[in-house]
């Protein structure tokens, strides 16, 4: 994995994205713990900073005020050293990220994870279809430079650990390249 970088930041920003239930938060938590990078759980930040508006009855969730969220994160992201965790990705500015990791799962595993969270009906069906049609992966590929988008599967604890190792390896490369360019 190449480690393109914004040379103004002292640490990279990475985006971890994927369909709800694929294991993004578990991955981000482990990465933050191991690397010291700041884990930005966008769903939590949106709630805590009043970036939600209205309510979607079908999906049983609030709408995100993307502009307010982005304005509030601009300074944090410009400093670097962040792991952004969110199921959507196309509205984030490309300049923010040095790498985008799209976490995937198989449909059976995803279905089981989502039903255990209480997803039912259209919300469950649409999220499983989103994974079947690789919607999040395609959004990432069309929103960011191809060389910074990395697909990874997280169906088992072993795959989770492999993903952690791979991203840590990418981070080591980023810091090594950064040191060589100074």
C-alpha atoms as a PDB file:
ATOM      1  CA  UNK A   1       0.000   0.000   0.000  1.00  0.00           C
ATOM      2  CA  UNK A   2       1.471   3.268  -1.119  1.00  0.00           C
ATOM      3  CA  UNK A   3       1.401   6.063   1.411  1.00  0.00           C
ATOM      4  CA  UNK A   4       0.667   9.306  -0.426  1.00  0.00           C
ATOM      5  CA  UNK A   5       0.662  12.169   1.988  1.00  0.00           C
ATOM      6  CA  UNK A   6      -0.100  15.771   2.658  1.00  0.00           C
ATOM      7  CA  UNK A   7       3.334  17.077   3.606  1.00  0.00           C
ATOM      8  CA  UNK A   8       1.895  19.843   5.797  1.00  0.00           C
ATOM      9  CA  UNK A   9       0.547  17.427   8.412  1.00  0.00           C
ATOM     10  CA  UNK A  10       2.722  15.815  11.056  1.00  0.00           C
ATOM     11  CA  UNK A  11       0.450  12.736  11.110  1.00  0.00           C
ATOM     12  CA  UNK A  12      -1.916  11.346   8.491  1.00  0.00           C
ATOM     13  CA  UNK A  13      -5.688  11.345   8.449  1.00  0.00           C
ATOM     14  CA  UNK A  14      -7.390   8.129   7.467  1.00  0.00           C
ATOM     15  CA  UNK A  15     -11.027   7.385   6.711  1.00  0.00           C
ATOM     16  CA  UNK A  16     -12.510   4.044   7.720  1.00  0.00           C
ATOM     17  CA  UNK A  17     -15.825   3.586   5.953  1.00  0.00           C
ATOM     18  CA  UNK A  18     -18.264   0.824   5.061  1.00  0.00           C
ATOM     19  CA  UNK A  19     -21.818  -0.372   5.461  1.00  0.00           C
ATOM     20  CA  UNK A  20     -23.149  -0.305   9.044  1.00  0.00           C
ATOM     21  CA  UNK A  21     -22.213  -3.545  10.802  1.00  0.00           C
ATOM     22  CA  UNK A  22     -19.019  -4.387   8.922  1.00  0.00           C
ATOM     23  CA  UNK A  23     -16.740  -3.688  11.893  1.00  0.00           C
ATOM     24  CA  UNK A  24     -15.562  -0.100  11.399  1.00  0.00           C
ATOM     25  CA  UNK A  25     -15.836   0.988  15.024  1.00  0.00           C
ATOM     26  CA  UNK A  26     -14.093  -2.110  16.350  1.00  0.00           C
ATOM     27  CA  UNK A  27     -11.269  -1.536  13.882  1.00  0.00           C
ATOM     28  CA  UNK A  28     -11.019   2.189  14.683  1.00  0.00           C
ATOM     29  CA  UNK A  29     -10.982   1.566  18.420  1.00  0.00           C
ATOM     30  CA  UNK A  30      -8.083  -0.882  18.102  1.00  0.00           C
ATOM     31  CA  UNK A  31      -6.191   1.405  15.728  1.00  0.00           C
ATOM     32  CA  UNK A  32      -6.566   4.404  17.994  1.00  0.00           C
ATOM     33  CA  UNK A  33      -5.397   2.403  20.987  1.00  0.00           C
ATOM     34  CA  UNK A  34      -2.339   1.064  19.147  1.00  0.00           C
ATOM     35  CA  UNK A  35      -1.305   4.184  17.246  1.00  0.00           C
ATOM     36  CA  UNK A  36      -2.352   7.126  19.396  1.00  0.00           C
ATOM     37  CA  UNK A  37      -4.270   8.636  16.470  1.00  0.00           C
ATOM     38  CA  UNK A  38      -7.557  10.288  17.444  1.00  0.00           C
ATOM     39  CA  UNK A  39     -10.662   8.250  16.659  1.00  0.00           C
ATOM     40  CA  UNK A  40     -13.419  10.503  15.340  1.00  0.00           C
ATOM     41  CA  UNK A  41     -16.719   8.604  15.504  1.00  0.00           C
ATOM     42  CA  UNK A  42     -18.763  10.842  13.211  1.00  0.00           C
ATOM     43  CA  UNK A  43     -22.135   9.567  14.476  1.00  0.00           C
ATOM     44  CA  UNK A  44     -21.188  10.483  18.048  1.00  0.00           C
ATOM     45  CA  UNK A  45     -19.676  13.826  17.031  1.00  0.00           C
ATOM     46  CA  UNK A  46     -22.821  14.708  15.067  1.00  0.00           C
ATOM     47  CA  UNK A  47     -24.981  14.028  18.147  1.00  0.00           C
ATOM     48  CA  UNK A  48     -22.671  15.803  20.576  1.00  0.00           C
ATOM     49  CA  UNK A  49     -22.302  18.921  18.395  1.00  0.00           C
ATOM     50  CA  UNK A  50     -25.916  19.309  17.272  1.00  0.00           C
ATOM     51  CA  UNK A  51     -25.261  18.357  13.638  1.00  0.00           C
ATOM     52  CA  UNK A  52     -28.489  16.379  13.319  1.00  0.00           C
ATOM     53  CA  UNK A  53     -31.757  17.669  11.962  1.00  0.00           C
ATOM     54  CA  UNK A  54     -35.152  16.121  11.290  1.00  0.00           C
ATOM     55  CA  UNK A  55     -35.931  12.431  11.474  1.00  0.00           C
ATOM     56  CA  UNK A  56     -36.324   9.700   8.858  1.00  0.00           C
ATOM     57  CA  UNK A  57     -39.191   7.467   9.961  1.00  0.00           C
ATOM     58  CA  UNK A  58     -38.289   4.715   7.483  1.00  0.00           C
ATOM     59  CA  UNK A  59     -34.715   4.325   8.709  1.00  0.00           C
ATOM     60  CA  UNK A  60     -35.368   5.472  12.270  1.00  0.00           C
ATOM     61  CA  UNK A  61     -32.503   7.952  12.297  1.00  0.00           C
ATOM     62  CA  UNK A  62     -31.845  11.679  12.116  1.00  0.00           C
ATOM     63  CA  UNK A  63     -30.537  13.484   9.047  1.00  0.00           C
ATOM     64  CA  UNK A  64     -26.947  14.720   9.175  1.00  0.00           C
ATOM     65  CA  UNK A  65     -26.267  18.414   8.623  1.00  0.00           C
ATOM     66  CA  UNK A  66     -23.137  17.743   6.575  1.00  0.00           C
ATOM     67  CA  UNK A  67     -22.114  21.389   6.182  1.00  0.00           C
ATOM     68  CA  UNK A  68     -22.241  22.056   9.934  1.00  0.00           C
ATOM     69  CA  UNK A  69     -20.280  18.865  10.637  1.00  0.00           C
ATOM     70  CA  UNK A  70     -17.607  19.658   8.041  1.00  0.00           C
ATOM     71  CA  UNK A  71     -17.218  23.237   9.257  1.00  0.00           C
ATOM     72  CA  UNK A  72     -16.782  21.981  12.807  1.00  0.00           C
ATOM     73  CA  UNK A  73     -14.127  19.420  11.825  1.00  0.00           C
ATOM     74  CA  UNK A  74     -12.012  21.572   9.499  1.00  0.00           C
ATOM     75  CA  UNK A  75      -9.411  22.658  12.094  1.00  0.00           C
ATOM     76  CA  UNK A  76      -9.095  19.173  13.587  1.00  0.00           C
ATOM     77  CA  UNK A  77      -8.611  17.574  10.192  1.00  0.00           C
ATOM     78  CA  UNK A  78      -6.086  20.176   9.026  1.00  0.00           C
ATOM     79  CA  UNK A  79      -3.820  19.240  11.963  1.00  0.00           C
ATOM     80  CA  UNK A  80      -3.800  15.522  11.056  1.00  0.00           C
ATOM     81  CA  UNK A  81      -3.549  12.446  13.227  1.00  0.00           C
ATOM     82  CA  UNK A  82      -7.204  11.394  12.896  1.00  0.00           C
ATOM     83  CA  UNK A  83      -9.089   8.196  12.164  1.00  0.00           C
ATOM     84  CA  UNK A  84     -12.509   9.159  10.807  1.00  0.00           C
ATOM     85  CA  UNK A  85     -15.175   6.462  11.253  1.00  0.00           C
ATOM     86  CA  UNK A  86     -18.394   6.796   9.240  1.00  0.00           C
ATOM     87  CA  UNK A  87     -20.611   4.731   6.979  1.00  0.00           C
ATOM     88  CA  UNK A  88     -20.795   7.384   4.281  1.00  0.00           C
ATOM     89  CA  UNK A  89     -17.805   8.990   2.643  1.00  0.00           C
ATOM     90  CA  UNK A  90     -18.502  11.026  -0.477  1.00  0.00           C
ATOM     91  CA  UNK A  91     -19.240  14.312   1.310  1.00  0.00           C
ATOM     92  CA  UNK A  92     -15.868  14.527   3.079  1.00  0.00           C
ATOM     93  CA  UNK A  93     -13.278  16.679   1.259  1.00  0.00           C
ATOM     94  CA  UNK A  94     -10.655  14.627  -0.543  1.00  0.00           C
ATOM     95  CA  UNK A  95      -7.882  16.885   0.831  1.00  0.00           C
ATOM     96  CA  UNK A  96      -8.587  15.611   4.340  1.00  0.00           C
ATOM     97  CA  UNK A  97      -7.425  12.024   3.793  1.00  0.00           C
ATOM     98  CA  UNK A  98      -4.166  10.286   3.116  1.00  0.00           C
ATOM     99  CA  UNK A  99      -5.866   6.868   2.964  1.00  0.00           C
ATOM    100  CA  UNK A 100      -9.410   5.537   2.762  1.00  0.00           C
ATOM    101  CA  UNK A 101     -10.069   2.023   4.072  1.00  0.00           C
ATOM    102  CA  UNK A 102     -13.384   0.490   2.995  1.00  0.00           C
ATOM    103  CA  UNK A 103     -14.343  -2.316   5.357  1.00  0.00           C
ATOM    104  CA  UNK A 104     -16.474  -5.084   3.838  1.00  0.00           C
ATOM    105  CA  UNK A 105     -18.255  -8.221   5.008  1.00  0.00           C
ATOM    106  CA  UNK A 106     -20.176 -11.093   3.495  1.00  0.00           C
ATOM    107  CA  UNK A 107     -23.972 -10.860   3.504  1.00  0.00           C
ATOM    108  CA  UNK A 108     -24.620 -13.605   6.050  1.00  0.00           C
ATOM    109  CA  UNK A 109     -22.254 -12.100   8.612  1.00  0.00           C
ATOM    110  CA  UNK A 110     -23.593  -8.617   7.948  1.00  0.00           C
ATOM    111  CA  UNK A 111     -27.219  -9.762   8.215  1.00  0.00           C
ATOM    112  CA  UNK A 112     -26.520 -11.425  11.572  1.00  0.00           C
ATOM    113  CA  UNK A 113     -24.699  -8.350  12.905  1.00  0.00           C
ATOM    114  CA  UNK A 114     -27.450  -5.969  11.827  1.00  0.00           C
ATOM    115  CA  UNK A 115     -30.320  -8.084  13.171  1.00  0.00           C
ATOM    116  CA  UNK A 116     -28.483  -8.339  16.502  1.00  0.00           C
ATOM    117  CA  UNK A 117     -28.511  -4.496  16.511  1.00  0.00           C
ATOM    118  CA  UNK A 118     -32.253  -4.502  15.973  1.00  0.00           C
ATOM    119  CA  UNK A 119     -32.294  -3.617  12.271  1.00  0.00           C
ATOM    120  CA  UNK A 120     -35.471  -4.813  10.550  1.00  0.00           C
ATOM    121  CA  UNK A 121     -37.505  -4.240   7.415  1.00  0.00           C
ATOM    122  CA  UNK A 122     -36.332  -1.733   4.823  1.00  0.00           C
ATOM    123  CA  UNK A 123     -33.402  -0.542   6.951  1.00  0.00           C
ATOM    124  CA  UNK A 124     -32.034  -4.095   7.169  1.00  0.00           C
ATOM    125  CA  UNK A 125     -32.722  -4.892   3.508  1.00  0.00           C
ATOM    126  CA  UNK A 126     -31.208  -1.662   2.198  1.00  0.00           C
ATOM    127  CA  UNK A 127     -28.016  -2.045   4.243  1.00  0.00           C
ATOM    128  CA  UNK A 128     -27.514  -5.640   3.068  1.00  0.00           C
ATOM    129  CA  UNK A 129     -28.156  -4.551  -0.533  1.00  0.00           C
ATOM    130  CA  UNK A 130     -25.705  -1.695  -0.065  1.00  0.00           C
ATOM    131  CA  UNK A 131     -23.045  -4.275   0.746  1.00  0.00           C
ATOM    132  CA  UNK A 132     -24.084  -6.607  -2.094  1.00  0.00           C
ATOM    133  CA  UNK A 133     -23.766  -3.802  -4.635  1.00  0.00           C
ATOM    134  CA  UNK A 134     -20.526  -2.450  -3.107  1.00  0.00           C
ATOM    135  CA  UNK A 135     -22.132   0.981  -2.784  1.00  0.00           C
ATOM    136  CA  UNK A 136     -19.692   2.346  -0.194  1.00  0.00           C
ATOM    137  CA  UNK A 137     -16.671   1.010  -2.086  1.00  0.00           C
ATOM    138  CA  UNK A 138     -17.899   2.556  -5.341  1.00  0.00           C
ATOM    139  CA  UNK A 139     -18.569   5.895  -3.607  1.00  0.00           C
ATOM    140  CA  UNK A 140     -15.045   5.891  -2.201  1.00  0.00           C
ATOM    141  CA  UNK A 141     -13.515   5.053  -5.569  1.00  0.00           C
ATOM    142  CA  UNK A 142     -15.419   7.876  -7.244  1.00  0.00           C
ATOM    143  CA  UNK A 143     -14.725  10.410  -4.458  1.00  0.00           C
ATOM    144  CA  UNK A 144     -11.011   9.844  -3.765  1.00  0.00           C
ATOM    145  CA  UNK A 145      -7.874   9.085  -5.748  1.00  0.00           C
ATOM    146  CA  UNK A 146      -7.858   5.405  -6.590  1.00  0.00           C
ATOM    147  CA  UNK A 147      -4.412   4.841  -5.102  1.00  0.00           C
ATOM    148  CA  UNK A 148      -5.548   5.864  -1.600  1.00  0.00           C
ATOM    149  CA  UNK A 149      -8.664   3.628  -1.510  1.00  0.00           C
ATOM    150  CA  UNK A 150      -8.108   0.194   0.051  1.00  0.00           C
ATOM    151  CA  UNK A 151     -10.712  -2.554   0.380  1.00  0.00           C
ATOM    152  CA  UNK A 152     -10.541  -4.965   3.326  1.00  0.00           C
ATOM    153  CA  UNK A 153     -12.808  -7.665   4.701  1.00  0.00           C
ATOM    154  CA  UNK A 154     -13.744  -8.014   8.364  1.00  0.00           C
ATOM    155  CA  UNK A 155     -15.724 -11.213   8.816  1.00  0.00           C
ATOM    156  CA  UNK A 156     -13.640 -12.899  11.487  1.00  0.00           C
ATOM    157  CA  UNK A 157     -11.447 -11.878  14.427  1.00  0.00           C
ATOM    158  CA  UNK A 158      -8.436 -13.004  12.381  1.00  0.00           C
ATOM    159  CA  UNK A 159      -9.356 -10.684   9.511  1.00  0.00           C
ATOM    160  CA  UNK A 160      -9.834  -7.839  11.980  1.00  0.00           C
ATOM    161  CA  UNK A 161      -6.318  -8.402  13.345  1.00  0.00           C
ATOM    162  CA  UNK A 162      -4.904  -8.611   9.809  1.00  0.00           C
ATOM    163  CA  UNK A 163      -6.600  -5.291   8.958  1.00  0.00           C
ATOM    164  CA  UNK A 164      -5.110  -3.681  12.063  1.00  0.00           C
ATOM    165  CA  UNK A 165      -1.643  -4.938  11.060  1.00  0.00           C
ATOM    166  CA  UNK A 166      -2.070  -3.742   7.467  1.00  0.00           C
ATOM    167  CA  UNK A 167      -3.177  -0.251   8.480  1.00  0.00           C
ATOM    168  CA  UNK A 168      -0.404  -0.016  11.077  1.00  0.00           C
ATOM    169  CA  UNK A 169       2.033  -1.016   8.325  1.00  0.00           C
ATOM    170  CA  UNK A 170       0.598   1.693   6.089  1.00  0.00           C
ATOM    171  CA  UNK A 171       1.019   4.211   8.929  1.00  0.00           C
ATOM    172  CA  UNK A 172       4.644   3.168   9.477  1.00  0.00           C
ATOM    173  CA  UNK A 173       5.271   3.738   5.766  1.00  0.00           C
ATOM    174  CA  UNK A 174       3.639   7.161   5.927  1.00  0.00           C
ATOM    175  CA  UNK A 175       5.824   8.251   8.857  1.00  0.00           C
ATOM    176  CA  UNK A 176       8.952   6.761   7.271  1.00  0.00           C
ATOM    177  CA  UNK A 177       8.259   8.581   3.982  1.00  0.00           C
ATOM    178  CA  UNK A 178       7.482  11.774   5.886  1.00  0.00           C
ATOM    179  CA  UNK A 179      10.818  11.545   7.727  1.00  0.00           C
ATOM    180  CA  UNK A 180      12.722  10.971   4.482  1.00  0.00           C
ATOM    181  CA  UNK A 181      11.102  13.988   2.819  1.00  0.00           C
ATOM    182  CA  UNK A 182      12.139  16.399   5.604  1.00  0.00           C
END
